[in-house]
Amino acid sequence: MVPQFRSGSQTTSSTSQSVINETITSYQYRTGYSYAASGHNIKAETGYINPTATTQSTQTVGGVNFSWTSPNLETVPRWQILTDGAAFSIQETLITPGLDTVTNITRTITTSTTSETTSTFGQ
């Protein structure tokens, strides 16, 4: 006996998945400097309140060229107390050029694809 099919169908399904692990590292560089001073009962002895810029430097890191300007530390203001014996305060902040922040981003991207094929046949 031979089976005889008059009609039918066949379904085929396939699934694939890909996983991408990605790491991004970003470096931010400060290319200049920042100087700030505040206080009370003081004055700049030198007559100026900001250091002058000194020579510009250049550096290459990871194939990236960058340059920066640094302050001349000999020209940072010198301060004197206005009223001897009285309370005084002074706060100086000098932020120099160079590496500022490093940001690391790590992520995983998962992609899944499903394909389904149905074949119908008849006589």
PDB file of N, CA and C in Angstrom:
ATOM      1  N   MET A   1       0.832  -1.153   0.000  1.00  0.00           N
ATOM      2  CA  MET A   1       0.000   0.000   0.000  1.00  0.00           C
ATOM      3  C   MET A   1       0.894   1.240   0.000  1.00  0.00           C
ATOM      4  N   VAL A   2       0.611   2.177  -0.850  1.00  0.00           N
ATOM      5  CA  VAL A   2       1.369   3.410  -0.996  1.00  0.00           C
ATOM      6  C   VAL A   2       0.484   4.546  -0.510  1.00  0.00           C
ATOM      7  N   PRO A   3       0.979   5.342   0.452  1.00  0.00           N
ATOM      8  CA  PRO A   3       0.124   6.444   0.917  1.00  0.00           C
ATOM      9  C   PRO A   3      -0.024   7.494  -0.176  1.00  0.00           C
ATOM     10  N   GLN A   4      -1.177   8.072  -0.226  1.00  0.00           N
ATOM     11  CA  GLN A   4      -1.443   9.142  -1.188  1.00  0.00           C
ATOM     12  C   GLN A   4      -1.880  10.378  -0.413  1.00  0.00           C
ATOM     13  N   PHE A   5      -1.162  11.458  -0.656  1.00  0.00           N
ATOM     14  CA  PHE A   5      -1.489  12.730  -0.011  1.00  0.00           C
ATOM     15  C   PHE A   5      -2.174  13.606  -1.030  1.00  0.00           C
ATOM     16  N   ARG A   6      -3.263  14.170  -0.670  1.00  0.00           N
ATOM     17  CA  ARG A   6      -3.967  15.079  -1.560  1.00  0.00           C
ATOM     18  C   ARG A   6      -3.569  16.530  -1.268  1.00  0.00           C
ATOM     19  N   SER A   7      -3.373  16.828  -0.017  1.00  0.00           N
ATOM     20  CA  SER A   7      -2.938  18.180   0.354  1.00  0.00           C
ATOM     21  C   SER A   7      -2.244  18.105   1.705  1.00  0.00           C
ATOM     22  N   GLY A   8      -1.515  19.172   2.019  1.00  0.00           N
ATOM     23  CA  GLY A   8      -0.821  19.218   3.303  1.00  0.00           C
ATOM     24  C   GLY A   8      -0.002  20.497   3.422  1.00  0.00           C
ATOM     25  N   SER A   9       0.651  20.619   4.509  1.00  0.00           N
ATOM     26  CA  SER A   9       1.515  21.797   4.717  1.00  0.00           C
ATOM     27  C   SER A   9       2.696  21.397   5.595  1.00  0.00           C
ATOM     28  N   GLN A  10       3.726  22.172   5.447  1.00  0.00           N
ATOM     29  CA  GLN A  10       4.932  21.946   6.239  1.00  0.00           C
ATOM     30  C   GLN A  10       5.395  23.305   6.753  1.00  0.00           C
ATOM     31  N   THR A  11       5.701  23.377   8.013  1.00  0.00           N
ATOM     32  CA  THR A  11       6.177  24.625   8.612  1.00  0.00           C
ATOM     33  C   THR A  11       7.590  24.419   9.136  1.00  0.00           C
ATOM     34  N   THR A  12       8.468  25.340   8.747  1.00  0.00           N
ATOM     35  CA  THR A  12       9.857  25.307   9.205  1.00  0.00           C
ATOM     36  C   THR A  12      10.142  26.602   9.958  1.00  0.00           C
ATOM     37  N   SER A  13      10.776  26.489  11.073  1.00  0.00           N
ATOM     38  CA  SER A  13      11.083  27.659  11.894  1.00  0.00           C
ATOM     39  C   SER A  13      12.563  27.634  12.239  1.00  0.00           C
ATOM     40  N   SER A  14      13.191  28.826  12.167  1.00  0.00           N
ATOM     41  CA  SER A  14      14.594  28.925  12.588  1.00  0.00           C
ATOM     42  C   SER A  14      14.774  30.214  13.381  1.00  0.00           C
ATOM     43  N   THR A  15      15.609  30.141  14.380  1.00  0.00           N
ATOM     44  CA  THR A  15      15.879  31.292  15.241  1.00  0.00           C
ATOM     45  C   THR A  15      17.382  31.485  15.329  1.00  0.00           C
ATOM     46  N   SER A  16      17.802  32.749  15.234  1.00  0.00           N
ATOM     47  CA  SER A  16      19.222  33.060  15.421  1.00  0.00           C
ATOM     48  C   SER A  16      19.329  34.211  16.420  1.00  0.00           C
ATOM     49  N   GLN A  17      20.417  34.229  17.139  1.00  0.00           N
ATOM     50  CA  GLN A  17      20.624  35.257  18.146  1.00  0.00           C
ATOM     51  C   GLN A  17      22.069  35.740  18.064  1.00  0.00           C
ATOM     52  N   SER A  18      22.241  37.060  18.172  1.00  0.00           N
ATOM     53  CA  SER A  18      23.597  37.607  18.226  1.00  0.00           C
ATOM     54  C   SER A  18      23.715  38.486  19.472  1.00  0.00           C
ATOM     55  N   VAL A  19      24.881  38.432  20.081  1.00  0.00           N
ATOM     56  CA  VAL A  19      25.155  39.214  21.282  1.00  0.00           C
ATOM     57  C   VAL A  19      26.409  40.030  21.013  1.00  0.00           C
ATOM     58  N   ILE A  20      26.291  41.337  21.175  1.00  0.00           N
ATOM     59  CA  ILE A  20      27.421  42.244  20.986  1.00  0.00           C
ATOM     60  C   ILE A  20      27.723  42.887  22.332  1.00  0.00           C
ATOM     61  N   ASN A  21      28.926  42.666  22.838  1.00  0.00           N
ATOM     62  CA  ASN A  21      29.378  43.336  24.051  1.00  0.00           C
ATOM     63  C   ASN A  21      30.253  44.504  23.612  1.00  0.00           C
ATOM     64  N   GLU A  22      29.907  45.693  24.056  1.00  0.00           N
ATOM     65  CA  GLU A  22      30.578  46.896  23.580  1.00  0.00           C
ATOM     66  C   GLU A  22      31.080  47.702  24.776  1.00  0.00           C
ATOM     67  N   THR A  23      32.310  48.175  24.683  1.00  0.00           N
ATOM     68  CA  THR A  23      32.877  49.055  25.699  1.00  0.00           C
ATOM     69  C   THR A  23      33.381  50.315  25.014  1.00  0.00           C
ATOM     70  N   ILE A  24      32.926  51.454  25.504  1.00  0.00           N
ATOM     71  CA  ILE A  24      33.349  52.753  24.976  1.00  0.00           C
ATOM     72  C   ILE A  24      34.052  53.497  26.108  1.00  0.00           C
ATOM     73  N   THR A  25      35.260  53.964  25.843  1.00  0.00           N
ATOM     74  CA  THR A  25      35.996  54.751  26.828  1.00  0.00           C
ATOM     75  C   THR A  25      36.253  56.126  26.224  1.00  0.00           C
ATOM     76  N   SER A  26      35.876  57.143  26.969  1.00  0.00           N
ATOM     77  CA  SER A  26      36.027  58.518  26.502  1.00  0.00           C
ATOM     78  C   SER A  26      36.902  59.289  27.492  1.00  0.00           C
ATOM     79  N   TYR A  27      37.871  60.049  26.964  1.00  0.00           N
ATOM     80  CA  TYR A  27      38.757  60.854  27.782  1.00  0.00           C
ATOM     81  C   TYR A  27      38.496  62.327  27.479  1.00  0.00           C
ATOM     82  N   GLN A  28      38.263  63.114  28.521  1.00  0.00           N
ATOM     83  CA  GLN A  28      38.099  64.558  28.350  1.00  0.00           C
ATOM     84  C   GLN A  28      39.308  65.257  28.974  1.00  0.00           C
ATOM     85  N   TYR A  29      39.899  66.155  28.205  1.00  0.00           N
ATOM     86  CA  TYR A  29      41.071  66.877  28.658  1.00  0.00           C
ATOM     87  C   TYR A  29      40.736  68.347  28.814  1.00  0.00           C
ATOM     88  N   ARG A  30      41.234  68.957  29.878  1.00  0.00           N
ATOM     89  CA  ARG A  30      41.107  70.395  30.101  1.00  0.00           C
ATOM     90  C   ARG A  30      42.324  71.027  29.446  1.00  0.00           C
ATOM     91  N   THR A  31      42.121  71.961  28.528  1.00  0.00           N
ATOM     92  CA  THR A  31      43.238  72.513  27.773  1.00  0.00           C
ATOM     93  C   THR A  31      43.687  73.879  28.284  1.00  0.00           C
ATOM     94  N   GLY A  32      43.041  74.386  29.291  1.00  0.00           N
ATOM     95  CA  GLY A  32      43.429  75.668  29.875  1.00  0.00           C
ATOM     96  C   GLY A  32      43.454  75.540  31.383  1.00  0.00           C
ATOM     97  N   TYR A  33      43.602  76.650  32.054  1.00  0.00           N
ATOM     98  CA  TYR A  33      43.620  76.622  33.506  1.00  0.00           C
ATOM     99  C   TYR A  33      42.581  77.593  34.050  1.00  0.00           C
ATOM    100  N   SER A  34      42.243  77.390  35.312  1.00  0.00           N
ATOM    101  CA  SER A  34      41.279  78.252  35.986  1.00  0.00           C
ATOM    102  C   SER A  34      41.855  78.622  37.346  1.00  0.00           C
ATOM    103  N   TYR A  35      41.840  79.912  37.647  1.00  0.00           N
ATOM    104  CA  TYR A  35      42.326  80.390  38.938  1.00  0.00           C
ATOM    105  C   TYR A  35      41.233  81.237  39.566  1.00  0.00           C
ATOM    106  N   ALA A  36      40.960  81.004  40.830  1.00  0.00           N
ATOM    107  CA  ALA A  36      39.966  81.808  41.551  1.00  0.00           C
ATOM    108  C   ALA A  36      40.487  82.069  42.959  1.00  0.00           C
ATOM    109  N   ALA A  37      40.199  83.247  43.479  1.00  0.00           N
ATOM    110  CA  ALA A  37      40.588  83.597  44.844  1.00  0.00           C
ATOM    111  C   ALA A  37      39.460  84.407  45.469  1.00  0.00           C
ATOM    112  N   SER A  38      39.241  84.171  46.747  1.00  0.00           N
ATOM    113  CA  SER A  38      38.243  84.959  47.477  1.00  0.00           C
ATOM    114  C   SER A  38      38.669  85.049  48.931  1.00  0.00           C
ATOM    115  N   GLY A  39      38.102  85.980  49.636  1.00  0.00           N
ATOM    116  CA  GLY A  39      38.414  86.134  51.052  1.00  0.00           C
ATOM    117  C   GLY A  39      37.983  87.508  51.547  1.00  0.00           C
ATOM    118  N   HIS A  40      38.320  87.784  52.806  1.00  0.00           N
ATOM    119  CA  HIS A  40      38.032  89.117  53.353  1.00  0.00           C
ATOM    120  C   HIS A  40      39.238  89.590  54.172  1.00  0.00           C
ATOM    121  N   ASN A  41      39.371  90.899  54.267  1.00  0.00           N
ATOM    122  CA  ASN A  41      40.486  91.571  54.929  1.00  0.00           C
ATOM    123  C   ASN A  41      41.822  91.232  54.263  1.00  0.00           C
ATOM    124  N   ILE A  42      41.804  91.099  52.942  1.00  0.00           N
ATOM    125  CA  ILE A  42      43.025  90.847  52.186  1.00  0.00           C
ATOM    126  C   ILE A  42      43.029  91.712  50.923  1.00  0.00           C
ATOM    127  N   LYS A  43      44.208  91.895  50.362  1.00  0.00           N
ATOM    128  CA  LYS A  43      44.319  92.546  49.054  1.00  0.00           C
ATOM    129  C   LYS A  43      45.515  91.958  48.331  1.00  0.00           C
ATOM    130  N   ALA A  44      45.485  92.081  47.011  1.00  0.00           N
ATOM    131  CA  ALA A  44      46.577  91.552  46.192  1.00  0.00           C
ATOM    132  C   ALA A  44      47.799  92.431  46.377  1.00  0.00           C
ATOM    133  N   GLU A  45      48.853  91.869  46.902  1.00  0.00           N
ATOM    134  CA  GLU A  45      50.105  92.581  47.129  1.00  0.00           C
ATOM    135  C   GLU A  45      50.805  92.886  45.810  1.00  0.00           C
ATOM    136  N   THR A  46      50.569  92.047  44.831  1.00  0.00           N
ATOM    137  CA  THR A  46      51.271  92.155  43.558  1.00  0.00           C
ATOM    138  C   THR A  46      50.571  93.093  42.574  1.00  0.00           C
ATOM    139  N   GLY A  47      49.341  93.493  42.868  1.00  0.00           N
ATOM    140  CA  GLY A  47      48.629  94.395  41.979  1.00  0.00           C
ATOM    141  C   GLY A  47      47.806  93.697  40.913  1.00  0.00           C
ATOM    142  N   TYR A  48      47.986  92.439  40.724  1.00  0.00           N
ATOM    143  CA  TYR A  48      47.185  91.689  39.755  1.00  0.00           C
ATOM    144  C   TYR A  48      46.520  90.527  40.501  1.00  0.00           C
ATOM    145  N   ILE A  49      45.439  90.025  39.940  1.00  0.00           N
ATOM    146  CA  ILE A  49      44.691  88.971  40.632  1.00  0.00           C
ATOM    147  C   ILE A  49      44.566  87.688  39.827  1.00  0.00           C
ATOM    148  N   ASN A  50      45.356  87.563  38.780  1.00  0.00           N
ATOM    149  CA  ASN A  50      45.295  86.355  37.969  1.00  0.00           C
ATOM    150  C   ASN A  50      46.696  86.031  37.456  1.00  0.00           C
ATOM    151  N   PRO A  51      47.112  84.761  37.513  1.00  0.00           N
ATOM    152  CA  PRO A  51      48.432  84.417  36.975  1.00  0.00           C
ATOM    153  C   PRO A  51      48.445  84.537  35.455  1.00  0.00           C
ATOM    154  N   THR A  52      49.605  84.818  34.908  1.00  0.00           N
ATOM    155  CA  THR A  52      49.728  84.904  33.455  1.00  0.00           C
ATOM    156  C   THR A  52      49.938  83.502  32.880  1.00  0.00           C
ATOM    157  N   ALA A  53      49.632  83.385  31.603  1.00  0.00           N
ATOM    158  CA  ALA A  53      49.812  82.094  30.920  1.00  0.00           C
ATOM    159  C   ALA A  53      51.281  81.887  30.605  1.00  0.00           C
ATOM    160  N   THR A  54      51.688  80.643  30.635  1.00  0.00           N
ATOM    161  CA  THR A  54      53.051  80.293  30.274  1.00  0.00           C
ATOM    162  C   THR A  54      53.012  79.542  28.950  1.00  0.00           C
ATOM    163  N   THR A  55      54.076  78.909  28.588  1.00  0.00           N
ATOM    164  CA  THR A  55      54.153  78.256  27.287  1.00  0.00           C
ATOM    165  C   THR A  55      53.094  77.180  27.101  1.00  0.00           C
ATOM    166  N   GLN A  56      52.801  76.960  25.851  1.00  0.00           N
ATOM    167  CA  GLN A  56      51.810  75.954  25.477  1.00  0.00           C
ATOM    168  C   GLN A  56      52.524  74.623  25.282  1.00  0.00           C
ATOM    169  N   SER A  57      51.920  73.563  25.807  1.00  0.00           N
ATOM    170  CA  SER A  57      52.493  72.217  25.675  1.00  0.00           C
ATOM    171  C   SER A  57      51.618  71.383  24.755  1.00  0.00           C
ATOM    172  N   THR A  58      52.222  70.397  24.098  1.00  0.00           N
ATOM    173  CA  THR A  58      51.495  69.508  23.193  1.00  0.00           C
ATOM    174  C   THR A  58      51.790  68.072  23.594  1.00  0.00           C
ATOM    175  N   GLN A  59      50.758  67.225  23.494  1.00  0.00           N
ATOM    176  CA  GLN A  59      50.911  65.821  23.850  1.00  0.00           C
ATOM    177  C   GLN A  59      50.031  64.985  22.927  1.00  0.00           C
ATOM    178  N   THR A  60      50.431  63.731  22.706  1.00  0.00           N
ATOM    179  CA  THR A  60      49.633  62.794  21.920  1.00  0.00           C
ATOM    180  C   THR A  60      49.313  61.594  22.803  1.00  0.00           C
ATOM    181  N   VAL A  61      48.030  61.284  22.925  1.00  0.00           N
ATOM    182  CA  VAL A  61      47.575  60.133  23.704  1.00  0.00           C
ATOM    183  C   VAL A  61      46.617  59.337  22.839  1.00  0.00           C
ATOM    184  N   GLY A  62      46.922  58.074  22.623  1.00  0.00           N
ATOM    185  CA  GLY A  62      46.037  57.219  21.832  1.00  0.00           C
ATOM    186  C   GLY A  62      45.813  57.738  20.419  1.00  0.00           C
ATOM    187  N   GLY A  63      46.819  58.373  19.837  1.00  0.00           N
ATOM    188  CA  GLY A  63      46.696  58.887  18.481  1.00  0.00           C
ATOM    189  C   GLY A  63      45.992  60.228  18.380  1.00  0.00           C
ATOM    190  N   VAL A  64      45.602  60.812  19.528  1.00  0.00           N
ATOM    191  CA  VAL A  64      44.917  62.107  19.534  1.00  0.00           C
ATOM    192  C   VAL A  64      45.898  63.164  20.022  1.00  0.00           C
ATOM    193  N   ASN A  65      46.091  64.213  19.210  1.00  0.00           N
ATOM    194  CA  ASN A  65      46.968  65.320  19.582  1.00  0.00           C
ATOM    195  C   ASN A  65      46.163  66.380  20.317  1.00  0.00           C
ATOM    196  N   PHE A  66      46.718  66.908  21.395  1.00  0.00           N
ATOM    197  CA  PHE A  66      46.080  68.023  22.073  1.00  0.00           C
ATOM    198  C   PHE A  66      47.154  68.907  22.683  1.00  0.00           C
ATOM    199  N   SER A  67      46.797  70.138  22.925  1.00  0.00           N
ATOM    200  CA  SER A  67      47.737  71.069  23.543  1.00  0.00           C
ATOM    201  C   SER A  67      47.017  71.841  24.642  1.00  0.00           C
ATOM    202  N   TRP A  68      47.793  72.397  25.556  1.00  0.00           N
ATOM    203  CA  TRP A  68      47.198  73.141  26.650  1.00  0.00           C
ATOM    204  C   TRP A  68      48.094  74.302  27.041  1.00  0.00           C
ATOM    205  N   THR A  69      47.479  75.236  27.761  1.00  0.00           N
ATOM    206  CA  THR A  69      48.184  76.405  28.273  1.00  0.00           C
ATOM    207  C   THR A  69      48.178  76.328  29.791  1.00  0.00           C
ATOM    208  N   SER A  70      49.332  76.437  30.396  1.00  0.00           N
ATOM    209  CA  SER A  70      49.464  76.355  31.848  1.00  0.00           C
ATOM    210  C   SER A  70      49.709  77.738  32.435  1.00  0.00           C
ATOM    211  N   PRO A  71      49.378  77.912  33.721  1.00  0.00           N
ATOM    212  CA  PRO A  71      49.673  79.196  34.358  1.00  0.00           C
ATOM    213  C   PRO A  71      51.150  79.272  34.754  1.00  0.00           C
ATOM    214  N   ASN A  72      51.673  80.458  34.759  1.00  0.00           N
ATOM    215  CA  ASN A  72      53.011  80.695  35.276  1.00  0.00           C
ATOM    216  C   ASN A  72      52.869  80.833  36.793  1.00  0.00           C
ATOM    217  N   LEU A  73      53.330  79.845  37.536  1.00  0.00           N
ATOM    218  CA  LEU A  73      53.112  79.836  38.989  1.00  0.00           C
ATOM    219  C   LEU A  73      53.883  80.945  39.708  1.00  0.00           C
ATOM    220  N   GLU A  74      54.879  81.517  39.038  1.00  0.00           N
ATOM    221  CA  GLU A  74      55.589  82.656  39.629  1.00  0.00           C
ATOM    222  C   GLU A  74      54.713  83.907  39.652  1.00  0.00           C
ATOM    223  N   THR A  75      53.653  83.919  38.846  1.00  0.00           N
ATOM    224  CA  THR A  75      52.802  85.115  38.787  1.00  0.00           C
ATOM    225  C   THR A  75      51.463  84.935  39.502  1.00  0.00           C
ATOM    226  N   VAL A  76      51.336  83.874  40.303  1.00  0.00           N
ATOM    227  CA  VAL A  76      50.129  83.743  41.133  1.00  0.00           C
ATOM    228  C   VAL A  76      50.156  84.903  42.127  1.00  0.00           C
ATOM    229  N   PRO A  77      49.035  85.577  42.317  1.00  0.00           N
ATOM    230  CA  PRO A  77      49.029  86.750  43.209  1.00  0.00           C
ATOM    231  C   PRO A  77      49.530  86.430  44.617  1.00  0.00           C
ATOM    232  N   ARG A  78      50.212  87.390  45.195  1.00  0.00           N
ATOM    233  CA  ARG A  78      50.615  87.332  46.607  1.00  0.00           C
ATOM    234  C   ARG A  78      49.629  88.223  47.361  1.00  0.00           C
ATOM    235  N   TRP A  79      49.213  87.764  48.535  1.00  0.00           N
ATOM    236  CA  TRP A  79      48.171  88.468  49.277  1.00  0.00           C
ATOM    237  C   TRP A  79      48.731  89.036  50.580  1.00  0.00           C
ATOM    238  N   GLN A  80      48.143  90.158  50.994  1.00  0.00           N
ATOM    239  CA  GLN A  80      48.518  90.731  52.284  1.00  0.00           C
ATOM    240  C   GLN A  80      47.252  91.069  53.060  1.00  0.00           C
ATOM    241  N   ILE A  81      47.392  91.045  54.389  1.00  0.00           N
ATOM    242  CA  ILE A  81      46.263  91.355  55.272  1.00  0.00           C
ATOM    243  C   ILE A  81      46.127  92.871  55.356  1.00  0.00           C
ATOM    244  N   LEU A  82      44.886  93.344  55.234  1.00  0.00           N
ATOM    245  CA  LEU A  82      44.643  94.786  55.279  1.00  0.00           C
ATOM    246  C   LEU A  82      44.736  95.341  56.698  1.00  0.00           C
ATOM    247  N   THR A  83      44.061  94.709  57.648  1.00  0.00           N
ATOM    248  CA  THR A  83      44.053  95.186  59.032  1.00  0.00           C
ATOM    249  C   THR A  83      44.720  94.140  59.911  1.00  0.00           C
ATOM    250  N   ASP A  84      45.933  94.453  60.370  1.00  0.00           N
ATOM    251  CA  ASP A  84      46.673  93.518  61.232  1.00  0.00           C
ATOM    252  C   ASP A  84      45.873  93.221  62.495  1.00  0.00           C
ATOM    253  N   GLY A  85      45.881  91.960  62.894  1.00  0.00           N
ATOM    254  CA  GLY A  85      45.198  91.551  64.121  1.00  0.00           C
ATOM    255  C   GLY A  85      43.727  91.243  63.932  1.00  0.00           C
ATOM    256  N   ALA A  86      43.141  91.667  62.804  1.00  0.00           N
ATOM    257  CA  ALA A  86      41.720  91.390  62.551  1.00  0.00           C
ATOM    258  C   ALA A  86      41.591  90.037  61.861  1.00  0.00           C
ATOM    259  N   ALA A  87      40.397  89.499  61.952  1.00  0.00           N
ATOM    260  CA  ALA A  87      40.140  88.216  61.282  1.00  0.00           C
ATOM    261  C   ALA A  87      40.295  88.381  59.768  1.00  0.00           C
ATOM    262  N   PHE A  88      40.739  87.330  59.115  1.00  0.00           N
ATOM    263  CA  PHE A  88      40.841  87.339  57.657  1.00  0.00           C
ATOM    264  C   PHE A  88      40.607  85.925  57.150  1.00  0.00           C
ATOM    265  N   SER A  89      40.308  85.837  55.882  1.00  0.00           N
ATOM    266  CA  SER A  89      40.186  84.527  55.245  1.00  0.00           C
ATOM    267  C   SER A  89      40.675  84.636  53.814  1.00  0.00           C
ATOM    268  N   ILE A  90      41.134  83.516  53.297  1.00  0.00           N
ATOM    269  CA  ILE A  90      41.541  83.469  51.896  1.00  0.00           C
ATOM    270  C   ILE A  90      41.328  82.037  51.392  1.00  0.00           C
ATOM    271  N   GLN A  91      40.832  81.970  50.191  1.00  0.00           N
ATOM    272  CA  GLN A  91      40.689  80.673  49.528  1.00  0.00           C
ATOM    273  C   GLN A  91      41.150  80.839  48.090  1.00  0.00           C
ATOM    274  N   GLU A  92      42.109  80.023  47.696  1.00  0.00           N
ATOM    275  CA  GLU A  92      42.600  80.029  46.326  1.00  0.00           C
ATOM    276  C   GLU A  92      42.338  78.667  45.702  1.00  0.00           C
ATOM    277  N   THR A  93      41.932  78.680  44.447  1.00  0.00           N
ATOM    278  CA  THR A  93      41.716  77.445  43.701  1.00  0.00           C
ATOM    279  C   THR A  93      42.419  77.580  42.363  1.00  0.00           C
ATOM    280  N   LEU A  94      43.275  76.619  42.058  1.00  0.00           N
ATOM    281  CA  LEU A  94      43.963  76.591  40.777  1.00  0.00           C
ATOM    282  C   LEU A  94      43.722  75.219  40.163  1.00  0.00           C
ATOM    283  N   ILE A  95      43.030  75.198  39.043  1.00  0.00           N
ATOM    284  CA  ILE A  95      42.776  73.960  38.314  1.00  0.00           C
ATOM    285  C   ILE A  95      43.642  74.004  37.065  1.00  0.00           C
ATOM    286  N   THR A  96      44.548  73.050  36.973  1.00  0.00           N
ATOM    287  CA  THR A  96      45.514  73.061  35.877  1.00  0.00           C
ATOM    288  C   THR A  96      45.034  72.196  34.713  1.00  0.00           C
ATOM    289  N   PRO A  97      45.620  72.361  33.534  1.00  0.00           N
ATOM    290  CA  PRO A  97      45.224  71.556  32.384  1.00  0.00           C
ATOM    291  C   PRO A  97      45.659  70.102  32.537  1.00  0.00           C
ATOM    292  N   GLY A  98      45.001  69.252  31.781  1.00  0.00           N
ATOM    293  CA  GLY A  98      45.337  67.832  31.787  1.00  0.00           C
ATOM    294  C   GLY A  98      44.085  66.986  31.702  1.00  0.00           C
ATOM    295  N   LEU A  99      44.230  65.738  32.054  1.00  0.00           N
ATOM    296  CA  LEU A  99      43.108  64.808  32.011  1.00  0.00           C
ATOM    297  C   LEU A  99      42.067  65.231  33.038  1.00  0.00           C
ATOM    298  N   ASP A 100      40.840  65.413  32.584  1.00  0.00           N
ATOM    299  CA  ASP A 100      39.764  65.886  33.454  1.00  0.00           C
ATOM    300  C   ASP A 100      38.881  64.730  33.902  1.00  0.00           C
ATOM    301  N   THR A 101      38.316  63.983  32.958  1.00  0.00           N
ATOM    302  CA  THR A 101      37.435  62.874  33.306  1.00  0.00           C
ATOM    303  C   THR A 101      37.637  61.719  32.332  1.00  0.00           C
ATOM    304  N   VAL A 102      37.364  60.533  32.832  1.00  0.00           N
ATOM    305  CA  VAL A 102      37.352  59.323  32.010  1.00  0.00           C
ATOM    306  C   VAL A 102      35.967  58.718  32.170  1.00  0.00           C
ATOM    307  N   THR A 103      35.290  58.481  31.052  1.00  0.00           N
ATOM    308  CA  THR A 103      33.957  57.892  31.067  1.00  0.00           C
ATOM    309  C   THR A 103      34.020  56.523  30.411  1.00  0.00           C
ATOM    310  N   ASN A 104      33.559  55.518  31.130  1.00  0.00           N
ATOM    311  CA  ASN A 104      33.483  54.155  30.594  1.00  0.00           C
ATOM    312  C   ASN A 104      32.027  53.770  30.446  1.00  0.00           C
ATOM    313  N   ILE A 105      31.642  53.359  29.255  1.00  0.00           N
ATOM    314  CA  ILE A 105      30.287  52.884  28.988  1.00  0.00           C
ATOM    315  C   ILE A 105      30.401  51.449  28.515  1.00  0.00           C
ATOM    316  N   THR A 106      29.733  50.546  29.204  1.00  0.00           N
ATOM    317  CA  THR A 106      29.710  49.139  28.818  1.00  0.00           C
ATOM    318  C   THR A 106      28.264  48.760  28.570  1.00  0.00           C
ATOM    319  N   ARG A 107      28.004  48.176  27.418  1.00  0.00           N
ATOM    320  CA  ARG A 107      26.639  47.759  27.113  1.00  0.00           C
ATOM    321  C   ARG A 107      26.644  46.467  26.312  1.00  0.00           C
ATOM    322  N   THR A 108      25.540  45.747  26.432  1.00  0.00           N
ATOM    323  CA  THR A 108      25.343  44.504  25.702  1.00  0.00           C
ATOM    324  C   THR A 108      24.111  44.664  24.828  1.00  0.00           C
ATOM    325  N   ILE A 109      24.267  44.371  23.543  1.00  0.00           N
ATOM    326  CA  ILE A 109      23.160  44.440  22.594  1.00  0.00           C
ATOM    327  C   ILE A 109      22.840  43.012  22.169  1.00  0.00           C
ATOM    328  N   THR A 110      21.621  42.562  22.465  1.00  0.00           N
ATOM    329  CA  THR A 110      21.192  41.210  22.096  1.00  0.00           C
ATOM    330  C   THR A 110      20.111  41.326  21.039  1.00  0.00           C
ATOM    331  N   THR A 111      20.330  40.664  19.910  1.00  0.00           N
ATOM    332  CA  THR A 111      19.368  40.679  18.812  1.00  0.00           C
ATOM    333  C   THR A 111      18.946  39.245  18.530  1.00  0.00           C
ATOM    334  N   SER A 112      17.632  39.049  18.445  1.00  0.00           N
ATOM    335  CA  SER A 112      17.100  37.722  18.157  1.00  0.00           C
ATOM    336  C   SER A 112      16.207  37.825  16.927  1.00  0.00           C
ATOM    337  N   THR A 113      16.388  36.894  15.982  1.00  0.00           N
ATOM    338  CA  THR A 113      15.594  36.879  14.748  1.00  0.00           C
ATOM    339  C   THR A 113      14.979  35.492  14.588  1.00  0.00           C
ATOM    340  N   THR A 114      13.682  35.490  14.350  1.00  0.00           N
ATOM    341  CA  THR A 114      12.980  34.225  14.113  1.00  0.00           C
ATOM    342  C   THR A 114      12.356  34.278  12.731  1.00  0.00           C
ATOM    343  N   SER A 115      12.562  33.216  11.946  1.00  0.00           N
ATOM    344  CA  SER A 115      12.023  33.126  10.608  1.00  0.00           C
ATOM    345  C   SER A 115      11.160  31.857  10.537  1.00  0.00           C
ATOM    346  N   GLU A 116       9.959  32.007  10.002  1.00  0.00           N
ATOM    347  CA  GLU A 116       9.060  30.862   9.897  1.00  0.00           C
ATOM    348  C   GLU A 116       8.564  30.768   8.469  1.00  0.00           C
ATOM    349  N   THR A 117       8.664  29.581   7.898  1.00  0.00           N
ATOM    350  CA  THR A 117       8.240  29.363   6.513  1.00  0.00           C
ATOM    351  C   THR A 117       7.209  28.230   6.497  1.00  0.00           C
ATOM    352  N   THR A 118       6.100  28.486   5.820  1.00  0.00           N
ATOM    353  CA  THR A 118       5.064  27.469   5.694  1.00  0.00           C
ATOM    354  C   THR A 118       4.901  27.138   4.214  1.00  0.00           C
ATOM    355  N   SER A 119       4.990  25.889   3.880  1.00  0.00           N
ATOM    356  CA  SER A 119       4.786  25.425   2.520  1.00  0.00           C
ATOM    357  C   SER A 119       3.465  24.641   2.501  1.00  0.00           C
ATOM    358  N   THR A 120       2.585  24.983   1.555  1.00  0.00           N
ATOM    359  CA  THR A 120       1.321  24.279   1.389  1.00  0.00           C
ATOM    360  C   THR A 120       1.372  23.579   0.044  1.00  0.00           C
ATOM    361  N   PHE A 121       0.955  22.340   0.019  1.00  0.00           N
ATOM    362  CA  PHE A 121       0.976  21.595  -1.247  1.00  0.00           C
ATOM    363  C   PHE A 121      -0.365  20.850  -1.392  1.00  0.00           C
ATOM    364  N   GLY A 122      -0.636  20.582  -2.611  1.00  0.00           N
ATOM    365  CA  GLY A 122      -1.858  19.859  -2.944  1.00  0.00           C
ATOM    366  C   GLY A 122      -1.667  19.117  -4.269  1.00  0.00           C
ATOM    367  N   GLN A 123      -2.655  18.382  -4.614  1.00  0.00           N
ATOM    368  CA  GLN A 123      -2.533  17.556  -5.809  1.00  0.00           C
ATOM    369  C   GLN A 123      -3.214  18.223  -6.978  1.00  0.00           C
TER     370      GLN A 123
END
